[in-house]
Amino acid sequence: MIQSPVSIAAIYIVDKAYLFDNSCETMVLIAEVIKGQLEILVPGHKLPSWFIEHVVNKL
C-alpha cells in the first residue's frame, strides 16, 4: 500500500511504474504509469479504496 507522498512522486520520476493490488488472494495489476500518464486497467467499481485515496485523489 502506498503510504507517503514521496511514493506518489516516485511514480512520475521513473519511465514506467506498475501498481498492483495484493490485498486479496490473487495479486492484480490495476494501473500503470508510462512517461507520467496514468492508465487504469480495471473497471472503476473494482478499484481498491487505497488506490483512490492515495493515488487518484493525489493527482
N, C-alpha and C. Protein backbone atom coordinates (compact mmCIF):
# COMPACT_ATOMS: atom_id res chain seq x y z
N MET A 1 0.84 -1.17 0.00
CA MET A 1 0.00 0.00 0.00
C MET A 1 0.88 1.24 0.00
N ILE A 2 0.51 2.23 -0.79
CA ILE A 2 1.24 3.49 -0.85
C ILE A 2 0.90 4.29 0.40
N GLN A 3 1.92 4.74 1.13
CA GLN A 3 1.67 5.41 2.39
C GLN A 3 2.27 6.80 2.48
N SER A 4 3.07 7.23 1.52
CA SER A 4 3.68 8.54 1.66
C SER A 4 3.61 9.31 0.35
N PRO A 5 3.62 10.64 0.44
CA PRO A 5 3.62 11.46 -0.77
C PRO A 5 4.86 11.22 -1.63
N VAL A 6 5.95 10.80 -1.02
CA VAL A 6 7.16 10.51 -1.77
C VAL A 6 6.90 9.38 -2.76
N SER A 7 6.14 8.39 -2.37
CA SER A 7 5.82 7.27 -3.26
C SER A 7 5.05 7.76 -4.48
N ILE A 8 4.14 8.69 -4.31
CA ILE A 8 3.38 9.24 -5.44
C ILE A 8 4.34 9.97 -6.38
N ALA A 9 5.23 10.76 -5.83
CA ALA A 9 6.19 11.48 -6.67
C ALA A 9 7.08 10.50 -7.43
N ALA A 10 7.42 9.40 -6.82
CA ALA A 10 8.31 8.42 -7.45
C ALA A 10 7.71 7.83 -8.72
N ILE A 11 6.41 7.66 -8.78
CA ILE A 11 5.83 7.05 -9.99
C ILE A 11 5.93 7.98 -11.19
N TYR A 12 6.18 9.27 -10.94
CA TYR A 12 6.33 10.21 -12.06
C TYR A 12 7.79 10.45 -12.42
N ILE A 13 8.71 9.97 -11.61
CA ILE A 13 10.14 10.13 -11.89
C ILE A 13 10.63 9.03 -12.83
N VAL A 14 10.08 7.85 -12.67
CA VAL A 14 10.51 6.71 -13.47
C VAL A 14 9.79 6.70 -14.82
N ASP A 15 10.35 5.97 -15.79
CA ASP A 15 9.71 5.87 -17.10
C ASP A 15 8.44 5.03 -17.04
N LYS A 16 8.47 3.98 -16.22
CA LYS A 16 7.31 3.09 -16.10
C LYS A 16 7.11 2.70 -14.65
N ALA A 17 5.85 2.66 -14.23
CA ALA A 17 5.50 2.19 -12.89
C ALA A 17 4.27 1.31 -13.02
N TYR A 18 4.25 0.24 -12.27
CA TYR A 18 3.13 -0.69 -12.28
C TYR A 18 2.55 -0.74 -10.88
N LEU A 19 1.24 -0.59 -10.77
CA LEU A 19 0.58 -0.58 -9.46
C LEU A 19 -0.29 -1.83 -9.34
N PHE A 20 0.04 -2.62 -8.34
CA PHE A 20 -0.67 -3.86 -8.09
C PHE A 20 -1.48 -3.77 -6.81
N ASP A 21 -2.60 -4.47 -6.77
CA ASP A 21 -3.37 -4.63 -5.55
C ASP A 21 -3.13 -6.06 -5.07
N ASN A 22 -2.53 -6.19 -3.92
CA ASN A 22 -2.29 -7.53 -3.37
C ASN A 22 -3.07 -7.74 -2.07
N SER A 23 -4.18 -7.02 -1.94
CA SER A 23 -4.99 -7.13 -0.73
C SER A 23 -5.90 -8.36 -0.75
N CYS A 24 -6.00 -9.01 -1.89
CA CYS A 24 -6.80 -10.25 -2.00
C CYS A 24 -5.85 -11.43 -2.17
N GLU A 25 -6.43 -12.57 -2.38
CA GLU A 25 -5.63 -13.79 -2.53
C GLU A 25 -4.75 -13.74 -3.77
N THR A 26 -5.26 -13.14 -4.85
CA THR A 26 -4.52 -13.04 -6.10
C THR A 26 -4.11 -11.60 -6.35
N MET A 27 -2.85 -11.37 -6.67
CA MET A 27 -2.35 -10.04 -6.97
C MET A 27 -2.87 -9.61 -8.34
N VAL A 28 -3.35 -8.35 -8.43
CA VAL A 28 -3.94 -7.85 -9.67
C VAL A 28 -3.25 -6.55 -10.08
N LEU A 29 -2.83 -6.46 -11.34
CA LEU A 29 -2.30 -5.22 -11.89
C LEU A 29 -3.48 -4.29 -12.13
N ILE A 30 -3.53 -3.17 -11.41
CA ILE A 30 -4.69 -2.28 -11.53
C ILE A 30 -4.39 -1.02 -12.33
N ALA A 31 -3.11 -0.64 -12.43
CA ALA A 31 -2.78 0.57 -13.19
C ALA A 31 -1.31 0.57 -13.54
N GLU A 32 -1.00 1.38 -14.54
CA GLU A 32 0.39 1.60 -14.88
C GLU A 32 0.58 3.06 -15.23
N VAL A 33 1.78 3.54 -15.02
CA VAL A 33 2.12 4.91 -15.37
C VAL A 33 3.29 4.82 -16.33
N ILE A 34 3.10 5.34 -17.53
CA ILE A 34 4.15 5.35 -18.53
C ILE A 34 4.39 6.79 -18.94
N LYS A 35 5.62 7.25 -18.70
CA LYS A 35 6.02 8.62 -19.00
C LYS A 35 5.04 9.64 -18.42
N GLY A 36 4.64 9.41 -17.16
CA GLY A 36 3.79 10.35 -16.45
C GLY A 36 2.30 10.23 -16.71
N GLN A 37 1.89 9.30 -17.55
CA GLN A 37 0.47 9.13 -17.88
C GLN A 37 -0.10 7.91 -17.16
N LEU A 38 -1.07 8.15 -16.30
CA LEU A 38 -1.72 7.07 -15.56
C LEU A 38 -2.76 6.39 -16.43
N GLU A 39 -2.69 5.07 -16.50
CA GLU A 39 -3.71 4.29 -17.19
C GLU A 39 -4.26 3.27 -16.22
N ILE A 40 -5.54 3.39 -15.91
CA ILE A 40 -6.21 2.46 -15.01
C ILE A 40 -6.68 1.27 -15.84
N LEU A 41 -6.37 0.08 -15.37
CA LEU A 41 -6.58 -1.14 -16.15
C LEU A 41 -7.78 -1.97 -15.70
N VAL A 42 -8.47 -1.56 -14.65
CA VAL A 42 -9.64 -2.30 -14.17
C VAL A 42 -10.83 -1.36 -14.12
N PRO A 43 -12.04 -1.90 -14.15
CA PRO A 43 -13.22 -1.04 -14.04
C PRO A 43 -13.23 -0.27 -12.72
N GLY A 44 -13.79 0.92 -12.73
CA GLY A 44 -13.82 1.79 -11.56
C GLY A 44 -14.38 1.13 -10.31
N HIS A 45 -15.40 0.31 -10.46
CA HIS A 45 -16.01 -0.33 -9.29
C HIS A 45 -15.10 -1.39 -8.67
N LYS A 46 -14.03 -1.77 -9.37
CA LYS A 46 -13.10 -2.76 -8.82
C LYS A 46 -11.84 -2.13 -8.24
N LEU A 47 -11.73 -0.79 -8.30
CA LEU A 47 -10.56 -0.13 -7.74
C LEU A 47 -10.59 -0.19 -6.22
N PRO A 48 -9.50 -0.57 -5.60
CA PRO A 48 -9.46 -0.60 -4.14
C PRO A 48 -9.46 0.82 -3.57
N SER A 49 -10.02 0.97 -2.39
CA SER A 49 -10.13 2.30 -1.77
C SER A 49 -8.77 2.94 -1.55
N TRP A 50 -7.73 2.15 -1.22
CA TRP A 50 -6.40 2.73 -1.01
C TRP A 50 -5.89 3.39 -2.29
N PHE A 51 -6.21 2.81 -3.45
CA PHE A 51 -5.74 3.36 -4.71
C PHE A 51 -6.42 4.71 -4.99
N ILE A 52 -7.71 4.76 -4.76
CA ILE A 52 -8.44 6.02 -4.96
C ILE A 52 -7.92 7.09 -4.01
N GLU A 53 -7.76 6.75 -2.74
CA GLU A 53 -7.32 7.72 -1.73
C GLU A 53 -5.88 8.18 -1.93
N HIS A 54 -4.98 7.25 -2.20
CA HIS A 54 -3.56 7.58 -2.21
C HIS A 54 -2.96 7.83 -3.58
N VAL A 55 -3.69 7.49 -4.64
CA VAL A 55 -3.15 7.74 -5.99
C VAL A 55 -4.08 8.68 -6.74
N VAL A 56 -5.30 8.26 -7.01
CA VAL A 56 -6.21 9.06 -7.82
C VAL A 56 -6.46 10.44 -7.18
N ASN A 57 -6.73 10.49 -5.91
CA ASN A 57 -7.03 11.76 -5.25
C ASN A 57 -5.80 12.65 -5.06
N LYS A 58 -4.61 12.12 -5.29
CA LYS A 58 -3.37 12.90 -5.13
C LYS A 58 -2.88 13.47 -6.45
N LEU A 59 -3.52 13.09 -7.55
CA LEU A 59 -3.08 13.57 -8.87
C LEU A 59 -3.55 14.98 -9.12
